[in-house]
Amino acid sequence: MLYVERNEQGEIVSVRREDGNTPDFEAKQALDEEILDFLCKNSAEDSIFRLLDATDLGIIRVLEDLIDLLVSKNLIMFSELPVQAQKKLRSRQHMREQIAGGSLIISDEDIL
């Protein structure tokens, strides 16, 4: 979630990650069209890269869930994925299981 500040004309004048605990900031989704327009008009390329970075975690989870769905429906075989992708997916799945099971302590053997 990002927070925008507007001028008297209703135009976005700043975008922040935190609301600053004031009612002056409006919550917006990271991929909101107004935010993208503001960044394209008023910022350098690295602002757009930062926005992409901010949305990467959500996309990663979507891709993991999509792969799980395709495997469970036998549309793809997990073993068909590149070996490095298999390792990374297994590692992330194991970490999520550790968190869900209440065991936040991960030993060296648990990390691939």
Protein backbone atom coordinates (compact mmCIF):
# COMPACT_ATOMS: atom_id res chain seq x y z
CA MET A 1 0.00 0.00 0.00
CA LEU A 2 1.25 3.48 -0.87
CA TYR A 3 0.03 6.84 0.38
CA VAL A 4 -0.41 9.93 -1.76
CA GLU A 5 -0.60 13.59 -0.87
CA ARG A 6 -2.60 15.90 -3.12
CA ASN A 7 -2.51 19.64 -3.79
CA GLU A 8 -5.58 21.91 -3.79
CA GLN A 9 -6.33 20.93 -7.39
CA GLY A 10 -6.47 17.25 -6.41
CA GLU A 11 -3.22 16.37 -8.18
CA ILE A 12 -0.75 13.99 -6.58
CA VAL A 13 2.27 15.89 -5.28
CA SER A 14 4.01 13.11 -3.32
CA VAL A 15 3.95 9.35 -2.85
CA ARG A 16 5.11 7.66 0.34
CA ARG A 17 5.27 4.17 1.78
CA GLU A 18 3.86 5.31 5.13
CA ASP A 19 0.91 7.60 5.81
CA GLY A 20 2.76 9.75 8.35
CA ASN A 21 -0.17 9.34 10.76
CA THR A 22 -2.03 12.27 9.20
CA PRO A 23 -5.36 12.38 7.38
CA ASP A 24 -3.68 14.27 4.51
CA PHE A 25 -2.52 11.05 2.88
CA GLU A 26 -4.77 8.84 0.79
CA ALA A 27 -4.12 5.08 0.58
CA LYS A 28 -3.63 3.73 -2.93
CA GLN A 29 -2.62 0.41 -4.45
CA ALA A 30 0.95 0.36 -5.76
CA LEU A 31 -0.16 -0.25 -9.34
CA ASP A 32 -2.84 2.47 -9.30
CA GLU A 33 -2.95 4.32 -12.62
CA GLU A 34 -2.66 7.74 -10.95
CA ILE A 35 0.50 6.68 -9.13
CA LEU A 36 2.04 5.29 -12.29
CA ASP A 37 1.22 8.51 -14.17
CA PHE A 38 2.73 10.60 -11.36
CA LEU A 39 5.93 8.55 -11.34
CA CYS A 40 6.29 8.64 -15.11
CA LYS A 41 5.82 12.42 -15.24
CA ASN A 42 7.74 13.49 -12.17
CA SER A 43 10.42 10.94 -11.40
CA ALA A 44 13.48 9.31 -12.78
CA GLU A 45 13.56 5.72 -13.95
CA ASP A 46 14.70 4.43 -10.57
CA SER A 47 11.34 5.42 -9.01
CA ILE A 48 9.59 3.05 -11.37
CA PHE A 49 12.14 0.35 -10.51
CA ARG A 50 11.41 0.93 -6.81
CA LEU A 51 7.70 0.53 -7.52
CA LEU A 52 8.40 -2.71 -9.36
CA ASP A 53 10.46 -3.91 -6.39
CA ALA A 54 7.60 -3.05 -4.04
CA THR A 55 5.24 -5.29 -6.00
CA ASP A 56 7.68 -8.19 -6.52
CA LEU A 57 6.77 -10.02 -3.30
CA GLY A 58 3.11 -10.16 -4.25
CA ILE A 59 3.90 -11.40 -7.73
CA ILE A 60 6.25 -14.05 -6.36
CA ARG A 61 3.48 -15.46 -4.18
CA VAL A 62 1.03 -15.40 -7.11
CA LEU A 63 3.51 -17.35 -9.24
CA GLU A 64 4.13 -19.89 -6.47
CA ASP A 65 0.38 -20.43 -6.09
CA LEU A 66 -0.03 -20.70 -9.86
CA ILE A 67 2.71 -23.33 -10.10
CA ASP A 68 1.11 -25.28 -7.21
CA LEU A 69 -2.25 -25.17 -8.99
CA LEU A 70 -0.81 -26.33 -12.32
CA VAL A 71 1.04 -29.19 -10.62
CA SER A 72 -2.01 -30.24 -8.57
CA LYS A 73 -4.13 -30.38 -11.75
CA ASN A 74 -1.39 -32.39 -13.51
CA LEU A 75 -1.02 -29.73 -16.19
CA ILE A 76 2.71 -29.60 -15.54
CA MET A 77 5.06 -31.84 -13.62
CA PHE A 78 7.16 -30.22 -10.91
CA SER A 79 10.16 -32.17 -12.22
CA GLU A 80 9.80 -30.40 -15.59
CA LEU A 81 10.78 -27.11 -14.01
CA PRO A 82 14.46 -26.13 -14.11
CA VAL A 83 16.41 -27.61 -11.19
CA GLN A 84 17.20 -24.18 -9.72
CA ALA A 85 13.51 -23.23 -9.85
CA GLN A 86 12.60 -26.49 -8.08
CA LYS A 87 15.14 -25.78 -5.33
CA LYS A 88 13.93 -22.22 -4.80
CA LEU A 89 10.28 -23.25 -4.75
CA ARG A 90 10.94 -26.10 -2.31
CA SER A 91 12.96 -23.79 -0.08
CA ARG A 92 10.21 -21.15 0.03
CA GLN A 93 7.53 -23.80 0.58
CA HIS A 94 9.54 -25.24 3.46
CA MET A 95 9.96 -21.79 5.03
CA ARG A 96 6.22 -21.13 4.78
CA GLU A 97 5.54 -24.52 6.42
CA GLN A 98 7.95 -23.62 9.24
CA ILE A 99 6.10 -20.35 9.82
CA ALA A 100 2.66 -21.97 9.62
CA GLY A 101 3.73 -24.68 12.04
CA GLY A 102 4.94 -22.12 14.54
CA SER A 103 8.56 -23.12 14.17
CA LEU A 104 10.40 -19.95 13.21
CA ILE A 105 13.81 -21.40 14.00
CA ILE A 106 15.45 -22.68 10.84
CA SER A 107 18.58 -24.79 11.04
CA ASP A 108 21.44 -24.64 8.55
CA GLU A 109 20.24 -27.91 7.02
CA ASP A 110 16.84 -26.34 6.25
CA ILE A 111 18.38 -23.72 3.97
CA LEU A 112 19.17 -24.91 0.44
